[in-house]
Protein backbone atom coordinates (compact mmCIF):
# COMPACT_ATOMS: atom_id res chain seq x y z
CA MET A 1 283.96 311.56 83.05
CA ARG A 2 283.00 314.10 85.61
CA GLY A 3 279.27 313.40 85.15
CA PHE A 4 279.84 309.65 85.41
CA SER A 5 281.70 309.81 88.72
CA ARG A 6 279.06 312.15 90.08
CA ARG A 7 276.31 309.59 89.27
CA VAL A 8 278.28 306.84 91.00
CA LEU A 9 278.55 308.97 94.12
CA GLU A 10 274.80 309.59 94.05
CA VAL A 11 273.97 305.87 93.70
CA ARG A 12 276.22 304.58 96.48
CA PRO A 13 274.35 306.32 99.32
CA LEU A 14 271.08 304.94 97.91
CA MET A 15 272.52 301.43 97.84
CA ALA A 16 273.70 301.79 101.43
CA LYS A 17 270.16 302.70 102.49
CA GLY A 18 268.66 299.76 100.59
CA ILE A 19 266.65 301.97 98.27
CA LEU A 20 267.84 300.32 95.07
CA TYR A 21 267.20 296.89 96.56
CA ALA A 22 263.70 297.94 97.57
CA ARG A 23 262.96 299.10 94.03
CA SER A 24 264.06 295.78 92.53
CA ARG A 25 262.03 293.83 95.11
CA LYS A 26 258.96 295.94 94.41
CA GLN A 27 259.11 294.96 90.75
CA HIS A 28 258.56 291.34 91.83
CA MET A 29 255.96 291.96 94.54
CA ASP A 30 253.18 291.76 91.97
CA HIS A 31 254.51 288.41 90.72
CA LEU A 32 253.93 285.00 92.29
CA ARG A 33 255.22 281.47 92.03
CA ALA A 34 253.10 278.55 93.18
CA LYS A 35 253.56 274.79 93.13
CA VAL A 36 250.18 273.06 92.99
CA VAL A 37 249.08 269.44 93.44
CA ILE A 38 245.61 268.59 92.17
CA HIS A 39 243.84 265.54 93.66
CA GLY A 40 240.87 263.61 92.32
CA LEU A 41 240.08 262.15 88.92
CA VAL A 42 242.66 264.27 87.13
CA GLN A 43 244.62 261.81 85.00
CA GLY A 44 243.26 260.45 81.75
CA VAL A 45 240.93 263.44 81.33
CA PHE A 46 243.28 265.79 79.41
CA PHE A 47 244.04 267.77 82.57
CA ARG A 48 247.66 268.49 81.59
CA ALA A 49 246.84 269.58 78.04
CA SER A 50 243.94 271.70 79.25
CA ALA A 51 246.08 273.26 82.00
CA ARG A 52 248.77 274.11 79.43
CA ASP A 53 246.21 275.69 77.11
CA GLU A 54 244.65 277.66 79.97
CA ALA A 55 248.04 278.82 81.29
CA ILE A 56 249.04 280.03 77.83
CA ARG A 57 245.69 281.78 77.41
CA ILE A 58 246.05 283.50 80.79
CA GLY A 59 249.74 284.28 80.28
CA VAL A 60 251.63 282.40 83.00
CA GLY A 61 254.79 280.33 82.70
CA GLY A 62 255.70 277.00 84.24
CA TRP A 63 254.93 273.34 83.74
CA VAL A 64 252.46 270.55 84.52
CA ARG A 65 252.98 266.79 84.95
CA ASN A 66 251.32 263.60 86.18
CA LEU A 67 252.59 262.05 89.41
CA PRO A 68 252.65 258.31 90.07
CA ASP A 69 250.04 258.57 92.86
CA GLY A 70 247.37 259.73 90.38
CA THR A 71 247.64 263.45 91.12
CA VAL A 72 248.73 266.24 88.80
CA GLN A 73 251.45 268.66 89.82
CA ALA A 74 252.01 272.09 88.30
CA LEU A 75 254.24 275.08 88.82
CA PHE A 76 252.87 278.49 87.86
CA GLU A 77 254.85 281.70 87.69
CA GLY A 78 253.83 285.18 86.61
CA GLU A 79 251.74 288.20 87.51
CA ALA A 80 249.87 287.67 90.78
CA LYS A 81 246.37 288.03 89.31
CA LYS A 82 247.17 285.58 86.51
CA VAL A 83 248.67 282.97 88.86
CA GLU A 84 245.63 283.23 91.09
CA GLU A 85 243.38 282.84 88.04
CA ILE A 86 245.05 279.62 86.86
CA ILE A 87 244.94 278.21 90.41
CA GLY A 88 241.22 278.96 90.44
CA TRP A 89 240.88 277.07 87.16
CA CYS A 90 242.68 274.07 88.74
CA HIS A 91 239.86 273.77 91.28
CA LYS A 92 237.49 272.72 88.48
CA GLY A 93 239.79 271.55 85.67
CA PRO A 94 238.61 270.45 82.23
CA PRO A 95 235.31 268.68 81.50
CA GLY A 96 235.60 265.11 82.73
CA ALA A 97 237.86 265.94 85.67
CA ARG A 98 236.65 265.66 89.24
CA VAL A 99 238.87 267.74 91.48
CA ASN A 100 238.67 266.80 95.17
CA LYS A 101 241.43 269.02 96.55
CA VAL A 102 244.11 271.47 95.43
CA ASP A 103 247.24 271.92 97.54
CA VAL A 104 249.12 275.17 96.92
CA SER A 105 252.68 275.83 98.08
CA TRP A 106 253.88 279.41 97.59
CA GLU A 107 257.52 279.89 96.64
CA PRO A 108 259.60 283.03 96.06
CA TYR A 109 259.13 284.36 92.54
CA GLN A 110 262.18 283.57 90.40
CA GLY A 111 261.22 284.63 86.89
CA GLU A 112 262.43 281.24 85.67
CA PHE A 113 259.55 280.42 83.31
CA LYS A 114 258.17 282.54 80.50
CA LEU A 115 256.64 279.62 78.58
CA PHE A 116 254.41 276.78 79.77
CA GLU A 117 255.08 273.11 79.05
CA ILE A 118 253.86 269.61 79.77
CA ARG A 119 256.56 267.60 81.52
CA HIS A 120 256.93 263.85 81.40
CA GLY A 121 258.54 261.92 84.24
CA TYR A 122 258.79 262.67 87.93
CA ALA A 123 262.16 264.40 88.44
CA ASP A 124 262.24 268.10 89.38
């Protein structure tokens, strides 16, 4: 018991100074979350299936779906380098796609997705 209470006393001053919080934030600093909208000829060319395969190959989580305006929307989450790599892939897409523009919105990393899926429908 004595050792336990001693550890608690040592941790509390660290928490008060924000050191423990800083350590937990640092663990996520090398992770990113991005919501992406891809414009151009991106539907009917296996963009979603190819994006899923590429995301799995690279090792990012999230989802991809068609939007009613003809664009494709995706959410990518994972290690910063891997998220940046899949976004780079979105600028060219699969053979047959013609990407005109890629909009990227950065969001706080949440660690919500470990797998990658194709979504159907338009609801978040």
